[in-house]
Structure formats: structure tokens, C-alpha cells
């Protein structure tokens, strides 16, 4: 009788160990997916911020204004929402380069124009 109880106890311990390892693996997987999703969200937000910078620079060029005094189309680091954006205007090659940044995610959008 004692031999059967010992075998059952060992079987239960093996099953519980297996379930514990499986549970920890599932938790680790969920944490990694959550981190990946947050990173993707930050990348998307930074892209939208870069596009917002382009829009603001085009607005400055179109309406011939320079509210910050650093040259039309140039936008200094500007905080918006969870991140910031900035734009550099290169008059010689007619390009606007905007960078959006959220946490460690950074996206750059560049446009070349002929007339605005």
C-alpha cells in the first residue's frame, strides 16, 4: 500500500512541476508580447509626431510665418502628447526632415518639395 501512495505522490509532484513550468512560460510569453505591443505603439506614435512636425513646417512655409524665429520650416523640439518632434528645413535641396520620438522609439519622415 505504501508503494502505491509513494508512486501517486511522485506522479502528482511531476504533474505540478510541469504545470508550474508551463504557467511560468505562459506568463513570460505574455510579458514579452505586452512589451512588444508597447514598442509598436511607441513607434506608431513617433511616426504620427513626425508627420505632425511636417504639417507644422508646411504651415510655416505656406503662410510665410516663423513664430519661433529659427527660420521658416524649422521647428525646435516640441513636446506633444507622450513624445516630442522637431523639423529641419534644408532650403538648398528643398527638403523637410521631421523626427518624432516617444520613449526610445524614433521615426523620421522626409519630404522633398518643389513649391509649397
N, C-alpha and C. Protein backbone atom coordinates (compact mmCIF):
# COMPACT_ATOMS: atom_id res chain seq x y z
N UNK A 1 0.80 -1.20 0.00
CA UNK A 1 0.00 0.00 0.00
C UNK A 1 0.84 1.27 0.00
N UNK A 2 1.93 1.24 0.73
CA UNK A 2 2.78 2.42 0.82
C UNK A 2 3.45 2.68 -0.54
N UNK A 3 3.78 1.67 -1.28
CA UNK A 3 4.40 1.83 -2.59
C UNK A 3 3.49 2.54 -3.56
N UNK A 4 2.19 2.23 -3.53
CA UNK A 4 1.24 2.90 -4.43
C UNK A 4 1.09 4.38 -4.05
N UNK A 5 1.06 4.68 -2.75
CA UNK A 5 0.92 6.07 -2.31
C UNK A 5 2.16 6.88 -2.71
N UNK A 6 3.33 6.27 -2.60
CA UNK A 6 4.57 6.95 -2.99
C UNK A 6 4.58 7.23 -4.49
N UNK A 7 4.11 6.27 -5.28
CA UNK A 7 4.07 6.46 -6.73
C UNK A 7 3.08 7.56 -7.10
N UNK A 8 1.95 7.59 -6.41
CA UNK A 8 0.96 8.63 -6.67
C UNK A 8 1.53 9.99 -6.28
N UNK A 9 2.23 10.08 -5.15
CA UNK A 9 2.84 11.33 -4.70
C UNK A 9 3.87 11.83 -5.71
N UNK A 10 4.72 10.95 -6.19
CA UNK A 10 5.73 11.34 -7.18
C UNK A 10 5.05 11.79 -8.48
N UNK A 11 4.01 11.09 -8.89
CA UNK A 11 3.27 11.47 -10.10
C UNK A 11 2.65 12.85 -9.94
N UNK A 12 2.06 13.11 -8.79
CA UNK A 12 1.43 14.42 -8.53
C UNK A 12 2.50 15.51 -8.53
N UNK A 13 3.66 15.25 -7.92
CA UNK A 13 4.74 16.25 -7.89
C UNK A 13 5.23 16.54 -9.31
N UNK A 14 5.37 15.50 -10.13
CA UNK A 14 5.81 15.70 -11.52
C UNK A 14 4.78 16.51 -12.29
N UNK A 15 3.52 16.20 -12.12
CA UNK A 15 2.45 16.94 -12.83
C UNK A 15 2.42 18.39 -12.38
N UNK A 16 2.52 18.64 -11.06
CA UNK A 16 2.51 20.01 -10.55
C UNK A 16 3.73 20.80 -11.04
N UNK A 17 4.88 20.15 -11.09
CA UNK A 17 6.09 20.81 -11.60
C UNK A 17 5.90 21.17 -13.07
N UNK A 18 5.37 20.24 -13.84
CA UNK A 18 5.10 20.51 -15.26
C UNK A 18 4.14 21.69 -15.42
N UNK A 19 3.07 21.71 -14.64
CA UNK A 19 2.10 22.80 -14.72
C UNK A 19 2.71 24.13 -14.29
N UNK A 20 3.57 24.11 -13.28
CA UNK A 20 4.24 25.34 -12.83
C UNK A 20 5.15 25.89 -13.93
N UNK A 21 5.92 25.01 -14.57
CA UNK A 21 6.81 25.45 -15.65
C UNK A 21 5.98 25.97 -16.82
N UNK A 22 4.91 25.29 -17.14
CA UNK A 22 4.04 25.74 -18.23
C UNK A 22 3.43 27.10 -17.90
N UNK A 23 3.00 27.29 -16.67
CA UNK A 23 2.43 28.57 -16.25
C UNK A 23 3.45 29.70 -16.30
N UNK A 24 4.67 29.43 -15.84
CA UNK A 24 5.71 30.47 -15.90
C UNK A 24 6.06 30.81 -17.34
N UNK A 25 6.07 29.82 -18.21
CA UNK A 25 6.35 30.08 -19.62
C UNK A 25 5.26 30.95 -20.23
N UNK A 26 4.03 30.67 -19.90
CA UNK A 26 2.91 31.47 -20.40
C UNK A 26 2.99 32.91 -19.90
N UNK A 27 3.33 33.08 -18.63
CA UNK A 27 3.47 34.43 -18.08
C UNK A 27 4.61 35.18 -18.76
N UNK A 28 5.74 34.52 -18.97
CA UNK A 28 6.87 35.15 -19.67
C UNK A 28 6.48 35.53 -21.09
N UNK A 29 5.75 34.67 -21.77
CA UNK A 29 5.30 34.96 -23.13
C UNK A 29 4.38 36.19 -23.14
N UNK A 30 3.46 36.26 -22.19
CA UNK A 30 2.54 37.39 -22.13
C UNK A 30 3.27 38.70 -21.85
N UNK A 31 4.26 38.66 -20.96
CA UNK A 31 5.03 39.87 -20.69
C UNK A 31 5.81 40.31 -21.92
N UNK A 32 6.38 39.37 -22.66
CA UNK A 32 7.14 39.75 -23.86
C UNK A 32 6.20 40.31 -24.93
N UNK A 33 5.03 39.75 -25.08
CA UNK A 33 4.06 40.28 -26.05
C UNK A 33 3.59 41.68 -25.66
N UNK A 34 3.41 41.89 -24.35
CA UNK A 34 3.00 43.21 -23.88
C UNK A 34 4.09 44.24 -24.18
N UNK A 35 5.35 43.88 -23.92
CA UNK A 35 6.46 44.79 -24.20
C UNK A 35 6.56 45.07 -25.70
N UNK A 36 6.39 44.04 -26.52
CA UNK A 36 6.43 44.22 -27.97
C UNK A 36 5.30 45.13 -28.44
N UNK A 37 4.11 44.93 -27.89
CA UNK A 37 2.96 45.77 -28.26
C UNK A 37 3.21 47.22 -27.88
N UNK A 38 3.80 47.45 -26.70
CA UNK A 38 4.10 48.82 -26.28
C UNK A 38 5.13 49.45 -27.20
N UNK A 39 6.14 48.68 -27.59
CA UNK A 39 7.15 49.18 -28.51
C UNK A 39 6.51 49.57 -29.85
N UNK A 40 5.63 48.72 -30.37
CA UNK A 40 4.96 49.02 -31.63
C UNK A 40 4.09 50.27 -31.50
N UNK A 41 3.42 50.42 -30.37
CA UNK A 41 2.60 51.60 -30.14
C UNK A 41 3.47 52.86 -30.10
N UNK A 42 4.62 52.79 -29.43
CA UNK A 42 5.53 53.92 -29.38
C UNK A 42 6.05 54.27 -30.77
N UNK A 43 6.34 53.26 -31.59
CA UNK A 43 6.80 53.52 -32.96
C UNK A 43 5.70 54.22 -33.78
N UNK A 44 4.47 53.79 -33.61
CA UNK A 44 3.37 54.41 -34.33
C UNK A 44 3.16 55.85 -33.87
N UNK A 45 3.21 56.07 -32.57
CA UNK A 45 3.06 57.43 -32.04
C UNK A 45 4.18 58.34 -32.55
N UNK A 46 5.41 57.81 -32.60
CA UNK A 46 6.52 58.63 -33.07
C UNK A 46 6.37 58.97 -34.56
N UNK A 47 5.80 58.04 -35.33
CA UNK A 47 5.53 58.34 -36.75
C UNK A 47 4.50 59.46 -36.87
N UNK A 48 3.45 59.38 -36.08
CA UNK A 48 2.44 60.44 -36.11
C UNK A 48 3.02 61.79 -35.67
N UNK A 49 3.92 61.76 -34.69
CA UNK A 49 4.56 63.01 -34.26
C UNK A 49 5.43 63.58 -35.37
N UNK A 50 6.15 62.72 -36.07
CA UNK A 50 6.97 63.20 -37.19
C UNK A 50 6.09 63.81 -38.27
N UNK A 51 4.95 63.20 -38.54
CA UNK A 51 4.02 63.75 -39.53
C UNK A 51 3.43 65.08 -39.06
N UNK A 52 3.19 65.21 -37.75
CA UNK A 52 2.71 66.48 -37.21
C UNK A 52 3.75 67.58 -37.41
N UNK A 53 5.02 67.21 -37.24
CA UNK A 53 6.09 68.18 -37.48
C UNK A 53 6.13 68.64 -38.92
N UNK A 54 5.96 67.73 -39.85
CA UNK A 54 5.90 68.10 -41.28
C UNK A 54 4.75 69.05 -41.53
N UNK A 55 3.60 68.75 -40.96
CA UNK A 55 2.42 69.61 -41.15
C UNK A 55 2.67 71.02 -40.62
N UNK A 56 3.30 71.09 -39.45
CA UNK A 56 3.57 72.42 -38.87
C UNK A 56 4.58 73.18 -39.72
N UNK A 57 5.61 72.49 -40.22
CA UNK A 57 6.61 73.15 -41.06
C UNK A 57 5.99 73.64 -42.37
N UNK A 58 5.14 72.83 -42.96
CA UNK A 58 4.45 73.25 -44.20
C UNK A 58 3.57 74.46 -43.93
N UNK A 59 2.93 74.46 -42.79
CA UNK A 59 2.09 75.61 -42.42
C UNK A 59 2.94 76.88 -42.34
N UNK A 60 4.12 76.78 -41.70
CA UNK A 60 5.01 77.96 -41.62
C UNK A 60 5.42 78.43 -43.01
N UNK A 61 5.75 77.49 -43.89
CA UNK A 61 6.18 77.88 -45.23
C UNK A 61 5.03 78.45 -46.06
N UNK A 62 3.89 77.83 -45.94
CA UNK A 62 2.74 78.25 -46.74
C UNK A 62 2.26 79.64 -46.36
N UNK A 63 2.24 79.95 -45.06
CA UNK A 63 1.71 81.24 -44.60
C UNK A 63 2.81 82.25 -44.29
N UNK A 64 4.06 81.90 -44.65
CA UNK A 64 5.18 82.82 -44.52
C UNK A 64 5.30 83.37 -43.10
N UNK A 65 5.30 82.46 -42.12
CA UNK A 65 5.45 82.85 -40.72
C UNK A 65 6.62 82.07 -40.11
N UNK A 66 7.18 82.62 -39.05
CA UNK A 66 8.25 81.95 -38.30
C UNK A 66 8.07 82.31 -36.83
N UNK A 67 7.12 81.68 -36.15
CA UNK A 67 6.82 82.07 -34.77
C UNK A 67 7.96 81.84 -33.78
N UNK A 68 8.85 80.90 -34.06
CA UNK A 68 9.92 80.63 -33.11
C UNK A 68 11.24 81.31 -33.48
N UNK A 69 11.29 81.97 -34.64
CA UNK A 69 12.45 82.76 -35.03
C UNK A 69 13.68 81.96 -35.42
N UNK A 70 13.52 80.71 -35.82
CA UNK A 70 14.69 79.90 -36.19
C UNK A 70 14.72 79.58 -37.67
N UNK A 71 13.97 80.31 -38.44
CA UNK A 71 13.90 80.08 -39.88
C UNK A 71 12.63 79.34 -40.24
N UNK A 72 12.01 79.75 -41.31
CA UNK A 72 10.75 79.10 -41.73
C UNK A 72 10.96 77.61 -41.98
N UNK A 73 10.05 76.82 -41.46
CA UNK A 73 10.09 75.38 -41.66
C UNK A 73 10.93 74.64 -40.64
N UNK A 74 11.73 75.36 -39.87
CA UNK A 74 12.50 74.72 -38.80
C UNK A 74 11.66 74.76 -37.52
N UNK A 75 11.48 73.63 -36.92
CA UNK A 75 10.69 73.53 -35.69
C UNK A 75 11.62 72.97 -34.61
N UNK A 76 11.76 73.70 -33.49
CA UNK A 76 12.59 73.16 -32.40
C UNK A 76 11.88 71.98 -31.74
N UNK A 77 12.58 71.29 -30.85
CA UNK A 77 11.96 70.16 -30.14
C UNK A 77 10.70 70.65 -29.46
N UNK A 78 9.59 70.02 -29.82
CA UNK A 78 8.27 70.41 -29.32
C UNK A 78 7.61 69.20 -28.69
N UNK A 79 7.21 69.35 -27.43
CA UNK A 79 6.54 68.25 -26.74
C UNK A 79 5.08 68.21 -27.17
N UNK A 80 4.60 67.02 -27.47
CA UNK A 80 3.21 66.83 -27.85
C UNK A 80 2.79 65.43 -27.41
N UNK A 81 1.80 65.35 -26.57
CA UNK A 81 1.34 64.05 -26.10
C UNK A 81 2.42 63.34 -25.31
N UNK A 82 2.70 62.10 -25.68
CA UNK A 82 3.68 61.28 -24.97
C UNK A 82 5.11 61.50 -25.44
N UNK A 83 5.31 62.31 -26.47
CA UNK A 83 6.65 62.44 -27.02
C UNK A 83 6.96 63.84 -27.48
N UNK A 84 7.86 63.92 -28.45
CA UNK A 84 8.26 65.21 -28.99
C UNK A 84 8.62 65.06 -30.46
N UNK A 85 8.65 66.18 -31.16
CA UNK A 85 9.05 66.19 -32.57
C UNK A 85 9.88 67.42 -32.84
N UNK A 86 10.65 67.37 -33.91
CA UNK A 86 11.40 68.52 -34.39
C UNK A 86 11.61 68.38 -35.89
N UNK A 87 11.80 69.53 -36.53
CA UNK A 87 11.91 69.55 -38.00
C UNK A 87 13.09 70.41 -38.40
N UNK A 88 13.82 69.96 -39.41
CA UNK A 88 14.90 70.72 -40.01
C UNK A 88 14.53 70.97 -41.47
N UNK A 89 14.65 72.22 -41.87
CA UNK A 89 14.33 72.61 -43.25
C UNK A 89 15.64 72.92 -43.96
N UNK A 90 15.91 72.21 -45.03
CA UNK A 90 17.09 72.45 -45.84
C UNK A 90 16.64 73.18 -47.10
N UNK A 91 16.88 74.50 -47.13
CA UNK A 91 16.44 75.33 -48.26
C UNK A 91 17.14 74.95 -49.55
N UNK A 92 18.42 74.56 -49.46
CA UNK A 92 19.20 74.30 -50.66
C UNK A 92 18.66 73.13 -51.48
N UNK A 93 18.20 72.08 -50.81
CA UNK A 93 17.69 70.92 -51.55
C UNK A 93 16.18 70.77 -51.38
N UNK A 94 15.54 71.77 -50.82
CA UNK A 94 14.07 71.81 -50.67
C UNK A 94 13.53 70.55 -49.98
N UNK A 95 14.04 70.27 -48.80
CA UNK A 95 13.54 69.12 -48.05
C UNK A 95 13.19 69.52 -46.62
N UNK A 96 12.19 68.86 -46.11
CA UNK A 96 11.82 68.95 -44.70
C UNK A 96 12.07 67.58 -44.09
N UNK A 97 12.81 67.55 -43.01
CA UNK A 97 13.10 66.29 -42.32
C UNK A 97 12.57 66.42 -40.90
N UNK A 98 11.57 65.62 -40.59
CA UNK A 98 10.92 65.68 -39.29
C UNK A 98 11.20 64.40 -38.52
N UNK A 99 11.47 64.55 -37.23
CA UNK A 99 11.73 63.41 -36.36
C UNK A 99 10.72 63.41 -35.23
N UNK A 100 10.10 62.26 -35.01
CA UNK A 100 9.19 62.08 -33.88
C UNK A 100 9.81 61.07 -32.93
N UNK A 101 9.64 61.31 -31.63
CA UNK A 101 10.27 60.43 -30.65
C UNK A 101 9.32 60.20 -29.47
N UNK A 102 9.13 58.93 -29.14
CA UNK A 102 8.35 58.53 -27.98
C UNK A 102 9.15 57.45 -27.27
N UNK A 103 9.49 57.70 -26.00
CA UNK A 103 10.35 56.79 -25.23
C UNK A 103 11.62 56.53 -26.03
N UNK A 104 11.92 55.31 -26.39
CA UNK A 104 13.14 55.04 -27.16
C UNK A 104 12.85 54.86 -28.65
N UNK A 105 11.60 55.00 -29.04
CA UNK A 105 11.23 54.84 -30.45
C UNK A 105 11.39 56.18 -31.18
N UNK A 106 12.04 56.13 -32.33
CA UNK A 106 12.25 57.35 -33.11
C UNK A 106 11.95 57.04 -34.57
N UNK A 107 11.16 57.92 -35.20
CA UNK A 107 10.83 57.76 -36.62
C UNK A 107 11.14 59.08 -37.32
N UNK A 108 11.60 58.95 -38.55
CA UNK A 108 11.96 60.13 -39.35
C UNK A 108 11.14 60.12 -40.64
N UNK A 109 10.58 61.28 -40.95
CA UNK A 109 9.84 61.46 -42.20
C UNK A 109 10.50 62.61 -42.94
N UNK A 110 10.77 62.39 -44.23
CA UNK A 110 11.39 63.42 -45.03
C UNK A 110 10.59 63.63 -46.30
N UNK A 111 10.35 64.89 -46.62
CA UNK A 111 9.68 65.19 -47.88
C UNK A 111 10.55 66.15 -48.69
N UNK A 112 10.48 66.01 -49.97
CA UNK A 112 11.13 66.91 -50.89
C UNK A 112 10.03 67.64 -51.65
N UNK A 113 10.16 68.94 -51.76
CA UNK A 113 9.09 69.71 -52.38
C UNK A 113 9.64 70.57 -53.50
N UNK A 114 8.74 70.98 -54.38
CA UNK A 114 9.14 71.91 -55.43
C UNK A 114 8.51 73.27 -55.18
N UNK A 115 7.31 73.28 -54.60
CA UNK A 115 6.65 74.55 -54.26
C UNK A 115 5.58 74.27 -53.22
N UNK A 116 5.53 75.13 -52.24
CA UNK A 116 4.51 74.96 -51.20
C UNK A 116 3.61 76.15 -51.20
